[in-house]
N, C-alpha and C. Protein backbone atom coordinates (compact mmCIF):
# COMPACT_ATOMS: atom_id res chain seq x y z
N MET A 1 1.14 -7.60 -21.45
CA MET A 1 2.48 -7.23 -21.03
C MET A 1 2.62 -7.50 -19.53
N ALA A 2 3.65 -8.18 -19.14
CA ALA A 2 3.87 -8.49 -17.72
C ALA A 2 4.39 -7.25 -16.99
N ALA A 3 3.92 -7.08 -15.77
CA ALA A 3 4.35 -5.95 -14.96
C ALA A 3 5.80 -6.16 -14.54
N ARG A 4 6.52 -5.07 -14.48
CA ARG A 4 7.90 -5.16 -14.00
C ARG A 4 7.88 -5.36 -12.49
N ILE A 5 8.89 -6.00 -11.97
CA ILE A 5 9.00 -6.17 -10.53
C ILE A 5 9.72 -4.93 -9.99
N VAL A 6 9.16 -4.36 -8.96
CA VAL A 6 9.65 -3.10 -8.42
C VAL A 6 10.08 -3.32 -6.96
N ASP A 7 10.75 -2.33 -6.41
CA ASP A 7 11.18 -2.39 -5.01
C ASP A 7 10.14 -1.85 -4.05
N TYR A 8 9.35 -0.87 -4.50
CA TYR A 8 8.41 -0.17 -3.63
C TYR A 8 7.01 -0.20 -4.23
N LEU A 9 6.03 -0.58 -3.41
CA LEU A 9 4.63 -0.58 -3.83
C LEU A 9 3.91 0.57 -3.15
N LEU A 10 3.21 1.38 -3.91
CA LEU A 10 2.46 2.50 -3.37
C LEU A 10 1.12 2.05 -2.82
N ASP A 11 0.78 2.56 -1.65
CA ASP A 11 -0.53 2.33 -1.06
C ASP A 11 -1.44 3.50 -1.45
N THR A 12 -2.72 3.25 -1.47
CA THR A 12 -3.70 4.27 -1.86
C THR A 12 -3.57 5.53 -1.01
N ASN A 13 -3.51 5.38 0.29
CA ASN A 13 -3.51 6.57 1.14
C ASN A 13 -2.27 7.43 0.96
N SER A 14 -1.14 6.82 0.62
CA SER A 14 0.07 7.63 0.42
C SER A 14 -0.12 8.56 -0.77
N LEU A 15 -0.85 8.12 -1.77
CA LEU A 15 -1.10 8.97 -2.95
C LEU A 15 -2.16 10.03 -2.66
N ILE A 16 -3.26 9.62 -2.06
CA ILE A 16 -4.34 10.58 -1.81
C ILE A 16 -3.90 11.65 -0.81
N ASP A 17 -3.27 11.24 0.29
CA ASP A 17 -2.81 12.22 1.26
C ASP A 17 -1.76 13.15 0.67
N ALA A 18 -0.82 12.60 -0.08
CA ALA A 18 0.21 13.43 -0.70
C ALA A 18 -0.43 14.44 -1.66
N HIS A 19 -1.41 13.98 -2.41
CA HIS A 19 -2.07 14.86 -3.38
C HIS A 19 -2.89 15.95 -2.72
N THR A 20 -3.65 15.58 -1.69
CA THR A 20 -4.59 16.55 -1.11
C THR A 20 -4.01 17.38 0.02
N LYS A 21 -2.95 16.90 0.69
CA LYS A 21 -2.46 17.61 1.87
C LYS A 21 -1.08 18.22 1.72
N TRP A 22 -0.13 17.49 1.14
CA TRP A 22 1.26 17.94 1.22
C TRP A 22 1.92 18.25 -0.10
N TYR A 23 1.66 17.49 -1.13
CA TYR A 23 2.40 17.63 -2.38
C TYR A 23 1.46 17.82 -3.56
N ARG A 24 0.70 18.88 -3.53
CA ARG A 24 -0.21 19.13 -4.66
C ARG A 24 0.59 19.18 -5.96
N PRO A 25 0.13 18.48 -6.97
CA PRO A 25 0.91 18.35 -8.20
C PRO A 25 1.26 19.68 -8.87
N HIS A 26 0.38 20.67 -8.79
CA HIS A 26 0.70 21.94 -9.45
C HIS A 26 1.77 22.73 -8.68
N VAL A 27 2.00 22.40 -7.41
CA VAL A 27 3.02 23.07 -6.62
C VAL A 27 4.32 22.26 -6.62
N PHE A 28 4.21 20.93 -6.60
CA PHE A 28 5.37 20.03 -6.52
C PHE A 28 5.37 19.04 -7.69
N PRO A 29 5.41 19.52 -8.92
CA PRO A 29 5.35 18.58 -10.04
C PRO A 29 6.53 17.62 -10.10
N SER A 30 7.67 18.02 -9.56
CA SER A 30 8.85 17.15 -9.63
C SER A 30 8.65 15.85 -8.84
N ILE A 31 7.91 15.91 -7.75
CA ILE A 31 7.65 14.69 -6.97
C ILE A 31 6.83 13.71 -7.80
N TRP A 32 5.77 14.20 -8.41
CA TRP A 32 4.89 13.32 -9.17
C TRP A 32 5.59 12.80 -10.43
N GLN A 33 6.42 13.63 -11.03
CA GLN A 33 7.18 13.19 -12.20
C GLN A 33 8.16 12.09 -11.81
N ARG A 34 8.82 12.26 -10.66
CA ARG A 34 9.79 11.26 -10.21
C ARG A 34 9.11 9.93 -9.89
N LEU A 35 7.97 9.98 -9.22
CA LEU A 35 7.24 8.75 -8.92
C LEU A 35 6.80 8.04 -10.20
N THR A 36 6.53 8.81 -11.23
CA THR A 36 6.11 8.26 -12.52
C THR A 36 7.26 7.59 -13.24
N THR A 37 8.44 8.18 -13.15
CA THR A 37 9.56 7.70 -13.97
C THR A 37 10.52 6.76 -13.24
N ASP A 38 10.44 6.70 -11.94
CA ASP A 38 11.36 5.86 -11.18
C ASP A 38 10.92 4.40 -11.29
N GLU A 39 11.75 3.57 -11.88
CA GLU A 39 11.38 2.18 -12.14
C GLU A 39 11.36 1.31 -10.89
N THR A 40 11.75 1.86 -9.74
CA THR A 40 11.69 1.08 -8.50
C THR A 40 10.33 1.20 -7.83
N VAL A 41 9.45 2.05 -8.36
CA VAL A 41 8.15 2.32 -7.76
C VAL A 41 7.05 1.72 -8.62
N GLY A 42 6.11 1.03 -7.98
CA GLY A 42 5.02 0.41 -8.71
C GLY A 42 3.71 0.43 -7.95
N MET A 43 2.71 -0.14 -8.57
CA MET A 43 1.36 -0.15 -8.02
C MET A 43 0.68 -1.46 -8.38
N THR A 44 -0.15 -1.95 -7.46
CA THR A 44 -0.94 -3.14 -7.77
C THR A 44 -2.26 -2.71 -8.40
N SER A 45 -2.88 -3.64 -9.09
CA SER A 45 -4.18 -3.36 -9.71
C SER A 45 -5.23 -3.07 -8.63
N LEU A 46 -5.09 -3.69 -7.46
CA LEU A 46 -6.07 -3.47 -6.39
C LEU A 46 -5.92 -2.08 -5.77
N VAL A 47 -4.71 -1.57 -5.65
CA VAL A 47 -4.53 -0.20 -5.18
C VAL A 47 -5.12 0.75 -6.22
N TYR A 48 -4.83 0.50 -7.48
CA TYR A 48 -5.41 1.36 -8.52
C TYR A 48 -6.93 1.36 -8.44
N ALA A 49 -7.53 0.21 -8.23
CA ALA A 49 -9.00 0.11 -8.15
C ALA A 49 -9.55 0.89 -6.96
N GLU A 50 -8.76 0.99 -5.87
CA GLU A 50 -9.21 1.77 -4.71
C GLU A 50 -9.19 3.27 -4.96
N LEU A 51 -8.37 3.71 -5.89
CA LEU A 51 -8.27 5.14 -6.19
C LEU A 51 -9.51 5.57 -6.98
N ARG A 52 -10.43 6.20 -6.29
CA ARG A 52 -11.67 6.62 -6.97
C ARG A 52 -11.80 8.14 -7.02
N TYR A 53 -11.13 8.83 -6.14
CA TYR A 53 -11.19 10.28 -6.06
C TYR A 53 -9.94 10.75 -5.37
N PRO A 54 -9.55 11.97 -5.42
CA PRO A 54 -9.94 12.95 -6.44
C PRO A 54 -9.43 12.54 -7.82
N ASP A 55 -9.96 13.18 -8.83
CA ASP A 55 -9.67 12.78 -10.20
C ASP A 55 -8.19 12.89 -10.57
N THR A 56 -7.51 13.90 -10.06
CA THR A 56 -6.12 14.10 -10.46
C THR A 56 -5.23 12.91 -10.13
N PRO A 57 -5.22 12.37 -8.89
CA PRO A 57 -4.36 11.20 -8.67
C PRO A 57 -4.85 9.95 -9.41
N VAL A 58 -6.14 9.85 -9.64
CA VAL A 58 -6.65 8.71 -10.41
C VAL A 58 -6.10 8.76 -11.83
N ASN A 59 -6.20 9.92 -12.44
CA ASN A 59 -5.70 10.08 -13.81
C ASN A 59 -4.19 9.92 -13.87
N TRP A 60 -3.48 10.48 -12.86
CA TRP A 60 -2.03 10.34 -12.79
C TRP A 60 -1.64 8.87 -12.70
N ALA A 61 -2.29 8.12 -11.80
CA ALA A 61 -1.97 6.71 -11.62
C ALA A 61 -2.23 5.91 -12.89
N TRP A 62 -3.32 6.22 -13.56
CA TRP A 62 -3.65 5.50 -14.79
C TRP A 62 -2.57 5.74 -15.84
N THR A 63 -2.17 6.99 -15.99
CA THR A 63 -1.14 7.33 -16.97
C THR A 63 0.21 6.72 -16.59
N ALA A 64 0.54 6.77 -15.30
CA ALA A 64 1.86 6.33 -14.85
C ALA A 64 2.01 4.82 -14.80
N PHE A 65 0.95 4.09 -14.43
CA PHE A 65 1.12 2.68 -14.09
C PHE A 65 0.26 1.70 -14.87
N ARG A 66 -0.65 2.15 -15.71
CA ARG A 66 -1.62 1.23 -16.32
C ARG A 66 -0.99 0.07 -17.06
N GLU A 67 0.18 0.26 -17.64
CA GLU A 67 0.82 -0.82 -18.38
C GLU A 67 1.64 -1.75 -17.49
N ASN A 68 1.80 -1.38 -16.23
CA ASN A 68 2.65 -2.16 -15.33
C ASN A 68 1.99 -2.47 -13.99
N LEU A 69 0.67 -2.47 -13.94
CA LEU A 69 -0.01 -2.81 -12.69
C LEU A 69 0.28 -4.27 -12.33
N LEU A 70 0.65 -4.50 -11.09
CA LEU A 70 0.90 -5.86 -10.64
C LEU A 70 -0.43 -6.52 -10.31
N GLU A 71 -0.65 -7.68 -10.89
CA GLU A 71 -1.88 -8.45 -10.69
C GLU A 71 -1.62 -9.61 -9.74
N PRO A 72 -2.64 -10.06 -9.01
CA PRO A 72 -2.46 -11.23 -8.15
C PRO A 72 -2.10 -12.47 -8.96
N THR A 73 -1.12 -13.21 -8.49
CA THR A 73 -0.73 -14.49 -9.07
C THR A 73 -1.18 -15.59 -8.11
N SER A 74 -0.98 -16.82 -8.48
CA SER A 74 -1.36 -17.91 -7.57
C SER A 74 -0.54 -17.83 -6.28
N GLU A 75 0.72 -17.43 -6.35
CA GLU A 75 1.54 -17.26 -5.14
C GLU A 75 1.00 -16.14 -4.26
N ILE A 76 0.58 -15.06 -4.88
CA ILE A 76 0.04 -13.92 -4.13
C ILE A 76 -1.29 -14.30 -3.49
N ILE A 77 -2.11 -15.06 -4.19
CA ILE A 77 -3.38 -15.51 -3.62
C ILE A 77 -3.14 -16.37 -2.38
N LEU A 78 -2.16 -17.24 -2.44
CA LEU A 78 -1.80 -18.06 -1.28
C LEU A 78 -1.31 -17.18 -0.12
N ALA A 79 -0.46 -16.21 -0.43
CA ALA A 79 0.04 -15.29 0.61
C ALA A 79 -1.11 -14.46 1.20
N TYR A 80 -2.05 -14.05 0.36
CA TYR A 80 -3.23 -13.32 0.84
C TYR A 80 -4.00 -14.18 1.85
N SER A 81 -4.15 -15.46 1.55
CA SER A 81 -4.85 -16.36 2.48
C SER A 81 -4.11 -16.43 3.81
N GLN A 82 -2.79 -16.44 3.77
CA GLN A 82 -2.00 -16.47 5.01
C GLN A 82 -2.19 -15.18 5.81
N VAL A 83 -2.17 -14.05 5.13
CA VAL A 83 -2.37 -12.76 5.80
C VAL A 83 -3.74 -12.72 6.45
N MET A 84 -4.77 -13.08 5.70
CA MET A 84 -6.13 -13.01 6.23
C MET A 84 -6.35 -14.02 7.35
N SER A 85 -5.74 -15.17 7.24
CA SER A 85 -5.85 -16.15 8.31
C SER A 85 -5.24 -15.60 9.60
N TRP A 86 -4.09 -14.99 9.48
CA TRP A 86 -3.44 -14.42 10.67
C TRP A 86 -4.28 -13.30 11.27
N VAL A 87 -4.78 -12.40 10.41
CA VAL A 87 -5.58 -11.26 10.89
C VAL A 87 -6.83 -11.76 11.62
N THR A 88 -7.50 -12.75 11.06
CA THR A 88 -8.76 -13.21 11.66
C THR A 88 -8.58 -14.05 12.91
N THR A 89 -7.39 -14.60 13.12
CA THR A 89 -7.18 -15.43 14.31
C THR A 89 -6.29 -14.76 15.36
N ALA A 90 -5.82 -13.56 15.13
CA ALA A 90 -4.84 -12.92 16.01
C ALA A 90 -5.43 -12.35 17.30
N THR A 91 -6.71 -12.31 17.46
CA THR A 91 -7.41 -11.76 18.64
C THR A 91 -7.01 -10.32 18.95
N ARG A 92 -6.58 -9.59 17.95
CA ARG A 92 -6.18 -8.19 18.16
C ARG A 92 -7.26 -7.22 17.69
N TRP A 93 -8.17 -7.70 16.83
CA TRP A 93 -9.24 -6.87 16.30
C TRP A 93 -10.57 -7.56 16.51
N ASN A 94 -11.62 -6.76 16.67
CA ASN A 94 -12.93 -7.37 16.80
C ASN A 94 -13.51 -7.61 15.40
N THR A 95 -14.70 -8.13 15.36
CA THR A 95 -15.32 -8.49 14.08
C THR A 95 -15.44 -7.30 13.15
N ALA A 96 -15.77 -6.12 13.70
CA ALA A 96 -15.91 -4.93 12.86
C ALA A 96 -14.57 -4.52 12.26
N GLY A 97 -13.51 -4.60 13.05
CA GLY A 97 -12.18 -4.27 12.53
C GLY A 97 -11.74 -5.22 11.44
N ILE A 98 -11.96 -6.50 11.67
CA ILE A 98 -11.58 -7.52 10.69
C ILE A 98 -12.41 -7.40 9.42
N ALA A 99 -13.68 -7.10 9.58
CA ALA A 99 -14.60 -7.02 8.42
C ALA A 99 -14.12 -6.00 7.40
N GLN A 100 -13.47 -4.95 7.86
CA GLN A 100 -12.99 -3.93 6.94
C GLN A 100 -11.93 -4.48 5.98
N TRP A 101 -11.23 -5.52 6.40
CA TRP A 101 -10.21 -6.13 5.54
C TRP A 101 -10.76 -7.32 4.76
N GLN A 102 -11.96 -7.79 5.07
CA GLN A 102 -12.48 -8.97 4.40
C GLN A 102 -13.14 -8.70 3.06
N SER A 103 -13.34 -7.45 2.73
CA SER A 103 -13.87 -7.13 1.42
C SER A 103 -12.83 -7.52 0.36
N PRO A 104 -13.23 -8.23 -0.68
CA PRO A 104 -12.26 -8.63 -1.71
C PRO A 104 -11.65 -7.43 -2.43
N ASP A 105 -12.29 -6.25 -2.31
CA ASP A 105 -11.78 -5.05 -2.96
C ASP A 105 -10.79 -4.27 -2.09
N LYS A 106 -10.64 -4.68 -0.84
CA LYS A 106 -9.73 -3.98 0.08
C LYS A 106 -8.29 -4.31 -0.32
N ALA A 107 -7.54 -3.30 -0.71
CA ALA A 107 -6.20 -3.51 -1.25
C ALA A 107 -5.16 -3.88 -0.19
N ASP A 108 -5.36 -3.46 1.06
CA ASP A 108 -4.31 -3.60 2.08
C ASP A 108 -3.77 -5.02 2.24
N PRO A 109 -4.61 -6.04 2.47
CA PRO A 109 -4.03 -7.38 2.62
C PRO A 109 -3.40 -7.90 1.32
N TRP A 110 -3.95 -7.50 0.18
CA TRP A 110 -3.37 -7.89 -1.10
C TRP A 110 -2.01 -7.23 -1.30
N LEU A 111 -1.88 -6.00 -0.84
CA LEU A 111 -0.62 -5.28 -0.94
C LEU A 111 0.46 -6.00 -0.12
N ILE A 112 0.10 -6.40 1.08
CA ILE A 112 1.05 -7.14 1.93
C ILE A 112 1.42 -8.46 1.26
N ALA A 113 0.44 -9.17 0.74
CA ALA A 113 0.70 -10.45 0.08
C ALA A 113 1.61 -10.27 -1.13
N THR A 114 1.37 -9.26 -1.92
CA THR A 114 2.21 -8.99 -3.10
C THR A 114 3.64 -8.70 -2.67
N ALA A 115 3.79 -7.85 -1.66
CA ALA A 115 5.13 -7.51 -1.17
C ALA A 115 5.83 -8.72 -0.58
N MET A 116 5.09 -9.60 0.09
CA MET A 116 5.68 -10.83 0.64
C MET A 116 6.28 -11.68 -0.48
N VAL A 117 5.49 -11.91 -1.50
CA VAL A 117 5.91 -12.79 -2.59
C VAL A 117 7.07 -12.19 -3.39
N ASN A 118 7.01 -10.89 -3.64
CA ASN A 118 8.00 -10.24 -4.51
C ASN A 118 9.14 -9.56 -3.75
N HIS A 119 9.14 -9.70 -2.43
CA HIS A 119 10.20 -9.10 -1.60
C HIS A 119 10.30 -7.59 -1.82
N GLN A 120 9.16 -6.93 -1.64
CA GLN A 120 9.07 -5.49 -1.84
C GLN A 120 8.75 -4.80 -0.53
N ALA A 121 8.91 -3.48 -0.51
CA ALA A 121 8.51 -2.65 0.62
C ALA A 121 7.24 -1.90 0.22
N ILE A 122 6.42 -1.59 1.21
CA ILE A 122 5.16 -0.88 0.98
C ILE A 122 5.31 0.56 1.43
N VAL A 123 4.92 1.48 0.55
CA VAL A 123 4.93 2.91 0.86
C VAL A 123 3.52 3.27 1.32
N THR A 124 3.39 3.61 2.60
CA THR A 124 2.06 3.87 3.16
C THR A 124 2.12 4.96 4.21
N LEU A 125 1.02 5.63 4.39
CA LEU A 125 0.86 6.55 5.51
C LEU A 125 -0.16 5.99 6.49
N ASP A 126 -0.57 4.75 6.27
CA ASP A 126 -1.50 4.07 7.15
C ASP A 126 -0.86 3.96 8.53
N GLY A 127 -1.47 4.58 9.54
CA GLY A 127 -0.86 4.60 10.86
C GLY A 127 0.42 5.41 10.86
N ASN A 128 0.48 6.44 10.00
CA ASN A 128 1.68 7.25 9.81
C ASN A 128 2.86 6.41 9.33
N GLY A 129 2.59 5.31 8.69
CA GLY A 129 3.62 4.47 8.13
C GLY A 129 4.23 3.48 9.10
N HIS A 130 3.99 3.65 10.38
CA HIS A 130 4.59 2.77 11.39
C HIS A 130 3.59 2.58 12.53
N ALA A 131 2.52 1.87 12.27
CA ALA A 131 1.44 1.69 13.26
C ALA A 131 1.84 0.68 14.32
N PHE A 132 1.28 0.86 15.48
CA PHE A 132 1.49 -0.09 16.57
C PHE A 132 0.49 -1.22 16.45
N MET A 133 0.93 -2.39 16.84
CA MET A 133 0.06 -3.57 16.85
C MET A 133 -0.77 -3.55 18.13
N PRO A 134 -2.09 -3.73 18.02
CA PRO A 134 -2.89 -3.85 19.25
C PRO A 134 -2.43 -5.08 20.04
N ASP A 135 -2.58 -5.02 21.33
CA ASP A 135 -2.23 -6.16 22.19
C ASP A 135 -3.14 -7.34 21.88
N GLU A 136 -2.65 -8.54 22.20
CA GLU A 136 -3.50 -9.73 22.08
C GLU A 136 -4.69 -9.55 23.00
N GLN A 137 -5.82 -10.05 22.59
CA GLN A 137 -7.08 -9.96 23.32
C GLN A 137 -7.61 -8.52 23.42
N ALA A 138 -7.02 -7.59 22.66
CA ALA A 138 -7.49 -6.19 22.70
C ALA A 138 -8.81 -6.04 21.95
N PHE A 139 -9.00 -6.82 20.91
CA PHE A 139 -10.20 -6.77 20.08
C PHE A 139 -10.54 -5.34 19.67
N SER A 140 -9.56 -4.67 19.10
CA SER A 140 -9.73 -3.29 18.63
C SER A 140 -10.81 -3.24 17.56
N LYS A 141 -11.61 -2.19 17.60
CA LYS A 141 -12.64 -2.04 16.56
C LYS A 141 -12.09 -1.31 15.34
N GLN A 142 -10.86 -0.82 15.45
CA GLN A 142 -10.21 -0.18 14.31
C GLN A 142 -9.78 -1.26 13.32
N GLU A 143 -9.69 -0.90 12.05
CA GLU A 143 -9.20 -1.86 11.08
C GLU A 143 -7.70 -2.09 11.29
N PRO A 144 -7.19 -3.24 10.90
CA PRO A 144 -5.74 -3.47 10.98
C PRO A 144 -5.00 -2.42 10.14
N LYS A 145 -3.82 -2.08 10.56
CA LYS A 145 -2.98 -1.13 9.82
C LYS A 145 -1.93 -1.91 9.05
N ILE A 146 -1.66 -1.47 7.84
CA ILE A 146 -0.72 -2.17 6.96
C ILE A 146 0.62 -2.42 7.64
N SER A 147 1.21 -1.38 8.20
CA SER A 147 2.57 -1.54 8.73
C SER A 147 2.62 -2.53 9.89
N ALA A 148 1.59 -2.55 10.72
CA ALA A 148 1.57 -3.49 11.85
C ALA A 148 1.46 -4.93 11.37
N VAL A 149 0.57 -5.19 10.42
CA VAL A 149 0.40 -6.55 9.91
C VAL A 149 1.60 -6.95 9.04
N ALA A 150 2.07 -6.03 8.22
CA ALA A 150 3.22 -6.34 7.35
C ALA A 150 4.43 -6.78 8.16
N GLU A 151 4.62 -6.16 9.30
CA GLU A 151 5.76 -6.52 10.16
C GLU A 151 5.70 -7.99 10.58
N GLN A 152 4.49 -8.51 10.78
CA GLN A 152 4.33 -9.92 11.17
C GLN A 152 4.81 -10.87 10.08
N PHE A 153 4.87 -10.39 8.85
CA PHE A 153 5.26 -11.22 7.72
C PHE A 153 6.63 -10.80 7.14
N GLY A 154 7.33 -9.96 7.87
CA GLY A 154 8.67 -9.54 7.43
C GLY A 154 8.66 -8.59 6.25
N VAL A 155 7.54 -7.92 6.03
CA VAL A 155 7.43 -6.97 4.91
C VAL A 155 7.74 -5.57 5.43
N PRO A 156 8.77 -4.93 4.89
CA PRO A 156 9.09 -3.58 5.34
C PRO A 156 8.08 -2.55 4.82
N THR A 157 7.87 -1.52 5.62
CA THR A 157 7.04 -0.40 5.20
C THR A 157 7.83 0.89 5.40
N LEU A 158 7.47 1.89 4.65
CA LEU A 158 8.05 3.21 4.81
C LEU A 158 7.03 4.24 4.39
N THR A 159 7.23 5.45 4.86
CA THR A 159 6.32 6.53 4.48
C THR A 159 6.76 7.11 3.13
N LEU A 160 5.91 7.90 2.55
CA LEU A 160 6.26 8.57 1.30
C LEU A 160 7.47 9.47 1.51
N TYR A 161 7.53 10.13 2.67
CA TYR A 161 8.68 10.98 2.97
C TYR A 161 9.98 10.17 2.95
N GLU A 162 9.94 8.99 3.55
CA GLU A 162 11.13 8.14 3.58
C GLU A 162 11.50 7.67 2.18
N LEU A 163 10.50 7.38 1.34
CA LEU A 163 10.78 7.00 -0.04
C LEU A 163 11.45 8.15 -0.78
N LEU A 164 10.90 9.35 -0.65
CA LEU A 164 11.48 10.51 -1.35
C LEU A 164 12.92 10.74 -0.88
N ASP A 165 13.18 10.51 0.39
CA ASP A 165 14.55 10.63 0.92
C ASP A 165 15.46 9.58 0.29
N LYS A 166 14.98 8.33 0.17
CA LYS A 166 15.78 7.27 -0.45
C LYS A 166 16.05 7.60 -1.91
N MET A 167 15.14 8.32 -2.56
CA MET A 167 15.31 8.71 -3.95
C MET A 167 16.23 9.93 -4.09
N HIS A 168 16.62 10.49 -2.96
CA HIS A 168 17.43 11.71 -2.93
C HIS A 168 16.76 12.85 -3.67
N LEU A 169 15.45 12.92 -3.50
CA LEU A 169 14.68 13.97 -4.17
C LEU A 169 14.63 15.19 -3.27
N SER A 170 15.11 16.30 -3.78
CA SER A 170 15.01 17.57 -3.06
C SER A 170 14.41 18.60 -3.99
N LEU A 171 13.76 19.55 -3.40
CA LEU A 171 13.08 20.56 -4.21
C LEU A 171 13.89 21.84 -4.27
């Protein structure tokens, strides 16, 4: 079954942080139900693979998205190569920072590539959803942040709070 094309892609940290810090499912079940049923929200297979703990969001994600996980296509693979080429040549991160994104299991660059190809926005709390780009020649040892790199490719990002606001979800 082909995955549906969605407007918003969830990042791993937006789910884990929401689950463990702000929106525990037993206290805020309406949030998790809405994320499950809203057809504008989706997940990539690589984000799902990054979800290893805690068990509750892993099980929730499997139930909510397993039939509609977005998989890399040839277009996404090409976009991934563009993202990684830019990250490795941008002189903004040192080797240690870049290495964190070079693992084939790291969802962040794949998430940006998927959003580029499908014209989607990424829901992330990485860098609080709006990270600053290190200066050129800064060679930061921190890993690149999704929102900073996504901006270079015209991919919008928003926080989970901003997504819930767009959904007009109130408790």
